[in-house]
């Protein structure tokens, strides 16, 4: 089974000179290309954003579930009172 590499697109970006110099130094230090360094940085930002959105969703549904549980508990208690 072969491993597929994601499609690559070439882009042109403009960055401040100091940021390009920093990227070049980091890429050299890590022994990777500047493109790889920038792709890695963007991938990390993407993962952080996905994790933030997932946590936000979990908090929303936890609150919704809690409210449903409270309402259900009251309904069950009332039904038990009327049955007993």
Protein backbone atom coordinates (compact mmCIF):
# COMPACT_ATOMS: atom_id res chain seq x y z
CA UNK A 1 0.00 0.00 0.00
CA UNK A 2 1.43 3.38 -0.95
CA UNK A 3 1.15 6.51 1.13
CA UNK A 4 -0.52 9.39 -0.69
CA UNK A 5 0.95 12.83 -0.29
CA UNK A 6 -1.49 15.71 -0.15
CA UNK A 7 -1.66 17.90 -3.24
CA UNK A 8 0.80 20.77 -3.17
CA UNK A 9 0.07 24.25 -4.47
CA UNK A 10 2.68 26.92 -5.01
CA UNK A 11 1.86 30.38 -3.72
CA UNK A 12 3.62 33.71 -3.57
CA UNK A 13 3.53 35.59 -0.27
CA UNK A 14 5.05 38.84 0.95
CA UNK A 15 6.64 38.90 4.39
CA UNK A 16 8.67 41.45 6.31
CA UNK A 17 12.41 40.94 5.73
CA UNK A 18 13.06 40.19 9.40
CA UNK A 19 10.48 37.42 9.36
CA UNK A 20 12.00 35.89 6.23
CA UNK A 21 15.45 36.02 7.87
CA UNK A 22 14.06 34.31 10.95
CA UNK A 23 12.34 31.65 8.79
CA UNK A 24 15.60 31.00 6.95
CA UNK A 25 17.54 30.61 10.21
CA UNK A 26 14.92 28.28 11.70
CA UNK A 27 14.70 26.23 8.52
CA UNK A 28 18.49 25.87 8.45
CA UNK A 29 18.56 24.97 12.15
CA UNK A 30 15.89 22.30 11.62
CA UNK A 31 17.43 21.20 8.32
CA UNK A 32 14.16 21.68 6.42
CA UNK A 33 13.08 23.99 3.62
CA UNK A 34 11.54 27.40 4.26
CA UNK A 35 8.33 26.11 2.66
CA UNK A 36 8.29 23.12 5.02
CA UNK A 37 8.84 25.41 8.01
CA UNK A 38 5.95 27.69 7.02
CA UNK A 39 3.71 24.70 6.26
CA UNK A 40 4.55 23.23 9.67
CA UNK A 41 3.75 26.52 11.43
CA UNK A 42 0.42 26.82 9.62
CA UNK A 43 -0.40 23.17 10.38
CA UNK A 44 0.19 23.80 14.08
CA UNK A 45 -2.09 26.84 13.99
CA UNK A 46 -4.74 24.78 12.18
CA UNK A 47 -4.58 22.01 14.80
CA UNK A 48 -4.85 24.57 17.62
CA UNK A 49 -7.91 26.14 15.96
CA UNK A 50 -9.57 22.76 15.41
CA UNK A 51 -8.95 21.85 19.06
CA UNK A 52 -10.36 25.20 20.20
CA UNK A 53 -13.49 24.71 18.10
CA UNK A 54 -13.92 21.13 19.33
CA UNK A 55 -13.61 22.24 22.97
CA UNK A 56 -16.13 25.01 22.34
CA UNK A 57 -18.52 22.45 20.85
CA UNK A 58 -18.05 20.06 23.77
CA UNK A 59 -18.79 22.86 26.24
CA UNK A 60 -21.94 23.83 24.33
CA UNK A 61 -23.27 20.26 24.20
CA UNK A 62 -22.32 19.61 27.82
CA UNK A 63 -24.39 22.63 28.86
CA UNK A 64 -27.26 21.52 26.63
CA UNK A 65 -27.11 17.98 28.06
CA UNK A 66 -27.04 19.31 31.60
CA UNK A 67 -30.12 21.45 30.97
CA UNK A 68 -31.92 18.46 29.40
CA UNK A 69 -31.00 16.25 32.38
CA UNK A 70 -32.35 18.82 34.82
CA UNK A 71 -35.62 19.16 32.89
CA UNK A 72 -35.93 15.38 32.58
CA UNK A 73 -35.31 14.87 36.29
CA UNK A 74 -38.13 17.27 37.14
CA UNK A 75 -40.48 15.55 34.70
CA UNK A 76 -39.61 12.09 36.07
CA UNK A 77 -40.11 13.32 39.65
CA UNK A 78 -43.54 14.74 38.75
CA UNK A 79 -44.53 11.51 36.97
CA UNK A 80 -43.48 9.45 39.98
CA UNK A 81 -45.49 11.69 42.32
CA UNK A 82 -48.62 11.25 40.23
CA UNK A 83 -48.07 7.49 39.92
CA UNK A 84 -47.59 7.00 43.64
